[in-house]
Protein backbone atom coordinates (compact mmCIF):
# COMPACT_ATOMS: atom_id res chain seq x y z
CA MET A 1 71.64 31.02 15.61
CA THR A 2 72.61 32.17 19.12
CA VAL A 3 75.29 29.92 20.66
CA PRO A 4 74.57 28.83 24.26
CA GLY A 5 76.89 29.83 27.10
CA GLU A 6 77.68 32.83 29.29
CA ARG A 7 78.08 36.30 27.81
CA GLN A 8 79.47 39.41 29.52
CA LEU A 9 79.15 42.69 27.68
CA ALA A 10 78.16 46.32 28.08
CA VAL A 11 74.80 47.74 27.03
CA PRO A 12 75.28 49.50 23.65
CA GLU A 13 74.65 53.24 23.34
CA GLY A 14 71.73 52.66 20.99
CA LEU A 15 69.78 50.77 23.65
CA ASP A 16 70.09 53.37 26.40
CA GLY A 17 66.78 53.68 28.24
CA GLU A 18 65.22 50.53 26.76
CA ARG A 19 63.42 47.93 28.87
CA LEU A 20 65.72 45.06 29.73
CA ASP A 21 63.64 42.43 27.90
CA ALA A 22 63.51 44.56 24.74
CA ALA A 23 67.25 45.29 24.89
CA LEU A 24 68.08 41.63 25.43
CA ALA A 25 65.89 40.60 22.51
CA ARG A 26 67.63 43.01 20.17
CA MET A 27 71.14 42.20 21.36
CA PHE A 28 70.80 38.43 20.99
CA GLY A 29 68.14 38.05 18.30
CA LEU A 30 65.63 36.54 20.74
CA SER A 31 61.89 36.88 20.87
CA ARG A 32 60.63 39.28 23.56
CA SER A 33 58.94 36.40 25.40
CA ARG A 34 62.14 34.32 25.33
CA ALA A 35 64.12 37.26 26.71
CA ALA A 36 61.56 37.71 29.50
CA GLU A 37 61.79 33.99 30.27
CA LEU A 38 65.58 34.18 30.68
CA ILE A 39 65.23 37.18 32.99
CA GLY A 40 62.52 35.46 35.02
CA ASN A 41 64.74 32.38 35.43
CA GLY A 42 67.56 34.49 36.90
CA LEU A 43 69.85 34.02 33.91
CA VAL A 44 70.40 37.75 33.38
CA LEU A 45 72.38 40.02 35.69
CA LEU A 46 72.41 43.79 35.25
CA ASP A 47 75.16 45.60 37.15
CA GLY A 48 75.87 42.27 38.83
CA ARG A 49 72.34 41.86 40.22
CA PRO A 50 69.21 40.02 39.10
CA ALA A 51 66.85 42.40 37.35
CA ALA A 52 63.21 42.64 36.32
CA LYS A 53 62.24 42.58 32.66
CA SER A 54 60.77 46.09 32.94
CA ASP A 55 63.97 47.62 34.33
CA ARG A 56 65.50 50.29 32.11
CA VAL A 57 69.07 49.77 30.96
CA LEU A 58 71.78 52.41 30.82
CA ALA A 59 74.39 52.58 28.09
CA GLY A 60 77.63 51.01 29.26
CA ALA A 61 76.06 49.07 32.13
CA PRO A 62 77.61 45.59 32.54
CA LEU A 63 75.28 42.80 31.45
CA GLN A 64 75.82 39.11 32.15
CA VAL A 65 73.62 36.62 30.30
CA THR A 66 73.61 32.83 30.44
CA LEU A 67 72.06 31.36 27.31
CA PRO A 68 70.91 27.77 27.83
CA PRO A 69 71.05 25.20 25.03
CA PRO A 70 68.13 25.47 22.58
CA ARG A 71 65.10 23.33 23.32
CA PRO A 72 64.73 20.20 21.17
CA VAL A 73 62.47 20.87 18.22
CA GLU A 74 59.32 18.75 18.11
CA PRO A 75 58.96 16.76 14.89
CA PRO A 76 56.29 18.17 12.56
CA ARG A 77 52.88 16.53 12.74
CA LEU A 78 49.77 16.87 10.63
CA VAL A 79 47.05 19.13 12.04
CA GLU A 80 43.46 18.11 11.54
CA GLY A 81 41.31 20.93 10.18
CA LEU A 82 44.21 23.21 9.15
CA ALA A 83 42.91 24.42 5.77
CA VAL A 84 45.01 26.22 3.17
CA LEU A 85 43.10 29.20 1.75
CA TYR A 86 45.83 30.33 -0.66
CA GLU A 87 49.41 29.45 -1.55
CA ASP A 88 52.08 30.68 -3.96
CA ASP A 89 55.88 30.84 -3.94
CA ASP A 90 55.95 33.59 -1.30
CA ILE A 91 53.04 33.13 1.10
CA ILE A 92 50.63 30.57 2.44
CA VAL A 93 47.35 31.66 4.02
CA VAL A 94 45.61 29.23 6.34
CA ASP A 95 42.30 28.95 8.16
CA LYS A 96 43.51 28.03 11.64
CA PRO A 97 41.32 25.72 13.72
CA ARG A 98 40.91 25.88 17.49
CA GLY A 99 43.46 24.25 19.77
CA VAL A 100 46.39 25.00 17.47
CA ALA A 101 49.23 27.37 18.36
CA ALA A 102 51.05 29.37 15.71
CA HIS A 103 54.41 27.87 16.69
CA PRO A 104 56.01 25.94 19.56
CA THR A 105 56.24 27.82 22.87
CA PRO A 106 57.39 26.86 26.38
CA GLY A 107 54.84 24.54 27.96
CA TRP A 108 52.82 23.99 24.76
CA THR A 109 52.67 20.35 23.69
CA GLY A 110 49.76 20.61 21.26
CA PRO A 111 49.71 21.00 17.47
CA THR A 112 51.10 24.08 15.72
CA VAL A 113 50.53 25.81 12.40
CA ILE A 114 54.21 25.54 11.46
CA GLY A 115 54.36 21.86 12.37
CA GLY A 116 51.18 21.15 10.42
CA LEU A 117 52.43 22.91 7.31
CA LEU A 118 55.82 21.20 7.37
CA ALA A 119 54.25 17.80 7.97
CA ALA A 120 51.96 18.36 4.98
CA GLY A 121 54.96 19.04 2.74
CA HIS A 122 54.79 22.84 2.57
CA THR A 123 57.90 24.98 2.84
CA VAL A 124 58.25 28.07 5.02
CA ALA A 125 60.83 30.83 5.25
CA THR A 126 63.88 30.11 7.39
CA SER A 127 63.95 33.65 8.79
CA GLY A 128 63.04 34.21 12.43
CA ALA A 129 63.78 32.26 15.58
CA ALA A 130 64.21 28.52 14.98
CA GLU A 131 60.93 27.58 16.62
CA ARG A 132 58.85 30.06 14.63
CA GLN A 133 60.41 30.37 11.19
CA GLY A 134 58.07 31.98 8.69
CA ILE A 135 55.72 33.31 11.37
CA VAL A 136 54.94 37.00 10.87
CA HIS A 137 51.91 37.23 13.20
CA ARG A 138 50.05 34.97 15.58
CA LEU A 139 46.61 33.95 16.75
CA ASP A 140 45.93 32.56 20.22
CA ALA A 141 45.70 28.76 20.26
CA ASN A 142 41.92 28.86 20.73
CA THR A 143 41.30 31.77 18.35
CA THR A 144 40.33 30.58 14.87
CA GLY A 145 40.56 32.15 11.42
CA THR A 146 42.84 33.65 8.81
CA MET A 147 46.60 33.66 9.26
CA VAL A 148 49.45 34.24 6.79
CA VAL A 149 52.84 32.52 6.89
CA ALA A 150 55.87 33.57 4.83
CA LYS A 151 57.38 31.01 2.47
CA SER A 152 60.22 33.08 0.98
CA GLU A 153 62.81 35.20 2.77
CA PRO A 154 61.82 38.43 0.94
CA ALA A 155 58.19 37.78 1.86
CA TYR A 156 59.13 37.32 5.51
CA SER A 157 60.90 40.68 5.61
CA ALA A 158 58.13 42.49 3.72
CA LEU A 159 55.31 41.03 5.84
CA LYS A 160 57.12 41.70 9.12
CA ARG A 161 57.53 45.30 8.00
CA ALA A 162 53.88 45.54 6.95
CA PHE A 163 52.68 44.30 10.35
CA ARG A 164 55.12 46.59 12.14
CA GLU A 165 53.98 49.60 10.10
CA ARG A 166 50.32 48.59 10.58
CA THR A 167 49.46 48.42 6.89
CA VAL A 168 47.81 45.01 7.28
CA ASP A 169 44.03 45.03 7.70
CA LYS A 170 43.16 42.45 10.38
CA ARG A 171 39.43 42.06 11.04
CA TYR A 172 38.10 39.99 13.91
CA HIS A 173 34.60 39.15 15.08
CA ALA A 174 34.03 38.65 18.79
CA LEU A 175 30.95 37.78 20.79
CA VAL A 176 31.11 39.87 23.95
CA GLN A 177 28.90 39.83 27.01
CA GLY A 178 26.39 42.65 27.36
CA HIS A 179 26.11 45.68 25.13
CA PRO A 180 29.11 47.99 24.72
CA ASP A 181 28.33 51.66 25.29
CA PRO A 182 29.04 53.37 22.99
CA LEU A 183 28.16 50.82 20.31
CA ARG A 184 31.27 51.85 18.38
CA GLY A 185 34.45 52.90 20.15
CA THR A 186 38.17 52.60 20.78
CA VAL A 187 40.06 51.10 23.70
CA ASP A 188 43.47 52.73 24.02
CA ALA A 189 45.22 51.20 27.03
CA PRO A 190 48.70 49.69 27.46
CA THR A 191 48.83 45.94 28.06
CA GLY A 192 51.40 43.61 29.54
CA ARG A 193 51.71 40.54 31.72
CA HIS A 194 49.38 40.46 34.72
CA PRO A 195 51.20 41.29 37.99
CA SER A 196 50.07 37.93 39.41
CA GLY A 197 52.41 36.11 37.02
CA ASP A 198 49.74 33.50 36.29
CA GLY A 199 50.01 33.71 32.51
CA ARG A 200 47.27 36.29 32.03
CA PHE A 201 47.74 39.72 30.50
CA ALA A 202 46.17 42.94 31.71
CA VAL A 203 45.96 46.70 31.26
CA VAL A 204 49.07 47.89 33.11
CA SER A 205 50.67 51.31 33.35
CA ASP A 206 54.08 50.13 32.12
CA GLY A 207 52.68 47.93 29.35
CA ARG A 208 53.13 48.25 25.61
CA PRO A 209 50.83 50.65 23.71
CA SER A 210 47.68 48.80 22.63
CA VAL A 211 44.78 50.16 20.57
CA THR A 212 41.58 48.28 19.72
CA HIS A 213 38.68 49.62 17.63
CA TYR A 214 35.31 47.90 17.84
CA ASP A 215 31.84 48.30 16.32
CA THR A 216 28.62 46.47 17.14
CA ILE A 217 27.35 44.24 14.34
CA GLU A 218 24.41 42.52 16.04
CA ALA A 219 22.90 42.79 19.53
CA PHE A 220 21.21 39.98 21.46
CA ARG A 221 19.65 39.87 24.91
CA ALA A 222 22.78 38.91 26.78
CA ALA A 223 25.57 39.56 24.32
CA SER A 224 26.74 41.49 21.28
CA LEU A 225 28.57 40.44 18.13
CA VAL A 226 31.25 43.05 17.48
CA GLY A 227 33.74 43.66 14.71
CA VAL A 228 37.26 44.44 15.88
CA ASP A 229 40.12 46.17 14.09
CA LEU A 230 43.54 46.27 15.70
CA GLU A 231 46.11 49.03 15.46
CA THR A 232 48.52 46.92 17.50
CA GLY A 233 48.89 43.17 17.88
CA ARG A 234 49.65 42.46 21.51
CA THR A 235 49.19 39.08 23.16
CA HIS A 236 45.53 38.55 24.17
CA GLN A 237 44.84 42.20 23.22
CA ILE A 238 41.18 41.85 22.25
CA ARG A 239 40.43 39.61 25.21
CA VAL A 240 42.15 41.97 27.67
CA HIS A 241 40.60 45.15 26.26
CA MET A 242 37.07 43.75 26.13
CA ALA A 243 37.40 42.53 29.72
CA ALA A 244 38.76 45.95 30.72
CA ILE A 245 35.57 47.68 29.53
CA ARG A 246 33.51 45.02 31.35
CA HIS A 247 32.38 43.18 28.24
CA PRO A 248 34.55 40.05 28.26
CA VAL A 249 34.56 37.78 25.24
CA ALA A 250 31.91 35.08 25.73
CA GLY A 251 33.41 31.77 26.78
CA ASP A 252 36.69 33.40 27.85
CA LEU A 253 36.75 32.18 31.44
CA LEU A 254 40.40 33.24 31.84
CA TYR A 255 39.30 36.87 31.54
CA GLY A 256 36.11 36.81 33.57
CA ALA A 257 33.42 35.55 31.20
CA ASP A 258 30.28 34.07 32.71
CA PRO A 259 30.55 30.24 32.77
CA VAL A 260 26.75 29.91 32.84
CA LEU A 261 26.38 31.83 29.57
CA ALA A 262 29.25 29.85 28.04
CA ALA A 263 27.55 26.57 28.93
CA ARG A 264 24.22 27.76 27.52
CA LEU A 265 25.91 28.64 24.24
CA GLY A 266 27.93 25.43 24.14
CA LEU A 267 31.23 27.31 24.28
CA THR A 268 34.38 25.68 25.59
CA ARG A 269 36.68 28.50 24.42
CA GLN A 270 36.54 32.21 23.73
CA TRP A 271 34.20 33.32 20.90
CA LEU A 272 36.88 35.08 18.84
CA HIS A 273 37.50 34.63 15.12
CA ALA A 274 39.94 36.25 12.67
CA VAL A 275 37.37 36.70 9.93
CA SER A 276 39.50 38.47 7.31
CA LEU A 277 43.03 39.51 6.45
CA ALA A 278 44.11 41.96 3.73
CA PHE A 279 47.54 43.23 2.76
CA ALA A 280 49.78 44.13 -0.17
CA HIS A 281 51.29 40.97 -1.64
CA PRO A 282 54.99 40.99 -0.70
CA ALA A 283 56.13 40.01 -4.20
CA ASP A 284 54.40 42.61 -6.37
CA GLY A 285 52.36 44.87 -4.07
CA ARG A 286 48.96 43.87 -5.42
CA PRO A 287 46.17 43.95 -2.82
CA VAL A 288 45.08 40.52 -1.62
CA SER A 289 42.39 39.60 0.89
CA PHE A 290 41.17 36.41 2.50
CA THR A 291 38.16 35.49 4.59
CA SER A 292 37.18 32.66 6.89
CA PRO A 293 33.65 31.51 7.80
CA TYR A 294 32.66 30.89 11.40
CA PRO A 295 33.54 27.38 12.58
CA PRO A 296 30.65 25.21 13.81
CA ASP A 297 30.98 25.94 17.55
CA LEU A 298 30.89 29.71 17.04
CA ALA A 299 28.03 29.52 14.52
CA HIS A 300 26.06 27.36 16.98
CA ALA A 301 26.43 29.95 19.73
CA LEU A 302 24.98 32.64 17.46
CA ASP A 303 22.11 30.34 16.50
CA VAL A 304 21.25 29.90 20.19
CA LEU A 305 21.28 33.64 20.81
CA ARG A 306 19.16 34.38 17.75
CA ALA A 307 16.62 31.75 18.77
CA GLU A 308 16.33 33.41 22.19
CA SER A 309 15.89 36.94 20.82
């Protein structure tokens, strides 16, 4: 646990040339988003001056950081619709419903996967930041589907490594507007926070490498159902990449989807579902895979489109 207070230290040699937010995260065991939040709040001085999260640090440069007290942890609460697909001593795989975040974040007051599991009497690994112990990957709050949480400490380490080394097979289905051309392709474009600072993400030149593969499963008059495989797991990656090629995810008004189409399909969120997840079990290496059916609102949207075709 990182103790609050002011710290003054020099940037280590091993972090020379790193972005400030990445360096800060590694030095203090913070999440990248938490590090960026501290920088944005003016709590980090580099060479005695406020800095931007994308600034590059030099070895030996003086760094002054003020770490505020940790936020109070919300008591766990049961989450309606959070279904357990599989559980053993090392992992628990859930089918995440809409409107549920993976873990507590600044500004989020809704239900979380971690809170729901703890409230239901499940145990999770204690590794990771206090607010997201056991979390090895995330889904957006309004993205549904398969998600794995680590229960044991060895499982946490093994799964984090598997996601980092991209040996986990994550398959999504997305309903996108129009018809992608080509029908099967790859979007390779770095993503990061939108310059507007309004909470969106975007394709930006100084963003983190992001690679999305897609293939068309079914085409309708106004939209296409696509399968998506991710090489990287950036925040809002699928939503940003589909919008960047001018085929935003249906219902995703934040990224430019047509509200008229969303209303016709009965969508009040993005049509994006984590349909399957496959990986080597962290305890013995055996291959395991899990699938999730479409929830009612997404299935209804497809029914409407098929009836119109």
